[in-house]
Amino acid sequence: MGGATHHVRLMDKANLYEPDRLVGCQVLAVVNFPPRHIASFLSQVLVQGGLYGPDGVVLIEPERPVPNGCCLG
């Protein structure tokens, strides 16, 4: 996210990924929302994914590299 370091906390349902597999991945996310308290932390980004049955969430990734921070169109 713009080269800054961020602490990321995924929901318990996002258990389909090993943390090392996510490093360097591009995913669809909504930014510039006002910060919100979700559970016990302050959320500033909404990462998008599809529900994968009762077992998890599949992250939405572009099919080819796009510039980081580009708008969805």
C-alpha atoms as a PDB file:
ATOM      1  CA  MET A   1       0.000   0.000   0.000  1.00  0.00           C
ATOM      2  CA  GLY A   2       2.062   2.862  -1.258  1.00  0.00           C
ATOM      3  CA  GLY A   3       5.282   1.439   0.133  1.00  0.00           C
ATOM      4  CA  ALA A   4       4.380   2.215   3.736  1.00  0.00           C
ATOM      5  CA  THR A   5       4.564  -0.403   6.450  1.00  0.00           C
ATOM      6  CA  HIS A   6       1.190  -1.460   7.781  1.00  0.00           C
ATOM      7  CA  HIS A   7      -0.050  -3.910  10.338  1.00  0.00           C
ATOM      8  CA  VAL A   8      -2.563  -6.213   8.697  1.00  0.00           C
ATOM      9  CA  ARG A   9      -5.128  -8.280  10.512  1.00  0.00           C
ATOM     10  CA  LEU A  10      -7.275 -10.670   8.508  1.00  0.00           C
ATOM     11  CA  MET A  11     -10.560 -12.100   9.650  1.00  0.00           C
ATOM     12  CA  ASP A  12     -10.501 -15.639  10.989  1.00  0.00           C
ATOM     13  CA  LYS A  13     -12.144 -16.774   7.735  1.00  0.00           C
ATOM     14  CA  ALA A  14      -9.155 -15.644   5.662  1.00  0.00           C
ATOM     15  CA  ASN A  15      -7.398 -18.882   6.572  1.00  0.00           C
ATOM     16  CA  LEU A  16      -6.718 -20.046   3.010  1.00  0.00           C
ATOM     17  CA  TYR A  17      -3.396 -18.180   2.773  1.00  0.00           C
ATOM     18  CA  GLU A  18      -0.044 -18.522   4.443  1.00  0.00           C
ATOM     19  CA  PRO A  19       1.333 -15.100   5.415  1.00  0.00           C
ATOM     20  CA  ASP A  20       4.425 -15.583   3.193  1.00  0.00           C
ATOM     21  CA  ARG A  21       2.177 -16.121   0.146  1.00  0.00           C
ATOM     22  CA  LEU A  22       0.597 -12.674   0.621  1.00  0.00           C
ATOM     23  CA  VAL A  23       3.856 -10.703   0.589  1.00  0.00           C
ATOM     24  CA  GLY A  24       4.090  -8.865  -2.727  1.00  0.00           C
ATOM     25  CA  CYS A  25       0.557  -9.825  -3.813  1.00  0.00           C
ATOM     26  CA  GLN A  26      -1.764  -7.295  -5.354  1.00  0.00           C
ATOM     27  CA  VAL A  27      -5.345  -7.431  -4.092  1.00  0.00           C
ATOM     28  CA  LEU A  28      -8.443  -5.303  -4.518  1.00  0.00           C
ATOM     29  CA  ALA A  29      -8.952  -2.957  -1.584  1.00  0.00           C
ATOM     30  CA  VAL A  30     -10.939   0.163  -0.772  1.00  0.00           C
ATOM     31  CA  VAL A  31      -8.873   2.955   0.766  1.00  0.00           C
ATOM     32  CA  ASN A  32      -9.592   6.503   1.927  1.00  0.00           C
ATOM     33  CA  PHE A  33     -12.496   5.378   4.105  1.00  0.00           C
ATOM     34  CA  PRO A  34     -12.742   7.154   7.411  1.00  0.00           C
ATOM     35  CA  PRO A  35     -11.034   4.935  10.021  1.00  0.00           C
ATOM     36  CA  ARG A  36     -13.428   2.559  11.842  1.00  0.00           C
ATOM     37  CA  HIS A  37     -13.097   0.424  14.908  1.00  0.00           C
ATOM     38  CA  ILE A  38     -13.672  -3.213  13.942  1.00  0.00           C
ATOM     39  CA  ALA A  39     -13.494  -5.564  16.899  1.00  0.00           C
ATOM     40  CA  SER A  40     -10.467  -4.379  18.875  1.00  0.00           C
ATOM     41  CA  PHE A  41      -8.515  -2.566  16.146  1.00  0.00           C
ATOM     42  CA  LEU A  42      -8.757   0.533  13.960  1.00  0.00           C
ATOM     43  CA  SER A  43      -9.424  -0.353  10.302  1.00  0.00           C
ATOM     44  CA  GLN A  44      -8.327   1.983   7.499  1.00  0.00           C
ATOM     45  CA  VAL A  45      -8.517  -0.391   4.510  1.00  0.00           C
ATOM     46  CA  LEU A  46     -11.234  -2.762   3.297  1.00  0.00           C
ATOM     47  CA  VAL A  47      -9.669  -5.719   1.469  1.00  0.00           C
ATOM     48  CA  GLN A  48     -12.105  -7.362  -0.952  1.00  0.00           C
ATOM     49  CA  GLY A  49     -12.715 -11.085  -1.253  1.00  0.00           C
ATOM     50  CA  GLY A  50     -15.308 -13.670  -2.159  1.00  0.00           C
ATOM     51  CA  LEU A  51     -16.807 -16.051   0.365  1.00  0.00           C
ATOM     52  CA  TYR A  52     -15.509 -19.573  -0.146  1.00  0.00           C
ATOM     53  CA  GLY A  53     -18.202 -21.613   1.541  1.00  0.00           C
ATOM     54  CA  PRO A  54     -18.012 -21.741   5.307  1.00  0.00           C
ATOM     55  CA  ASP A  55     -14.247 -22.248   5.222  1.00  0.00           C
ATOM     56  CA  GLY A  56     -12.758 -19.000   4.052  1.00  0.00           C
ATOM     57  CA  VAL A  57     -12.441 -15.902   1.929  1.00  0.00           C
ATOM     58  CA  VAL A  58     -10.727 -15.864  -1.485  1.00  0.00           C
ATOM     59  CA  LEU A  59      -8.918 -12.575  -2.052  1.00  0.00           C
ATOM     60  CA  ILE A  60      -9.656 -10.711  -5.294  1.00  0.00           C
ATOM     61  CA  GLU A  61      -6.452 -10.274  -7.313  1.00  0.00           C
ATOM     62  CA  PRO A  62      -5.886  -8.678 -10.747  1.00  0.00           C
ATOM     63  CA  GLU A  63      -5.168 -11.160 -13.545  1.00  0.00           C
ATOM     64  CA  ARG A  64      -2.039  -9.177 -14.474  1.00  0.00           C
ATOM     65  CA  PRO A  65       0.059  -6.564 -12.650  1.00  0.00           C
ATOM     66  CA  VAL A  66      -1.427  -3.071 -12.403  1.00  0.00           C
ATOM     67  CA  PRO A  67       0.044   0.082 -10.869  1.00  0.00           C
ATOM     68  CA  ASN A  68      -0.317   0.078  -7.085  1.00  0.00           C
ATOM     69  CA  GLY A  69      -3.016   2.502  -6.019  1.00  0.00           C
ATOM     70  CA  CYS A  70      -4.758   2.625  -9.408  1.00  0.00           C
ATOM     71  CA  CYS A  71      -8.518   3.172  -9.525  1.00  0.00           C
ATOM     72  CA  LEU A  72     -10.952   0.372 -10.206  1.00  0.00           C
ATOM     73  CA  GLY A  73     -12.547   0.896 -13.580  1.00  0.00           C
END
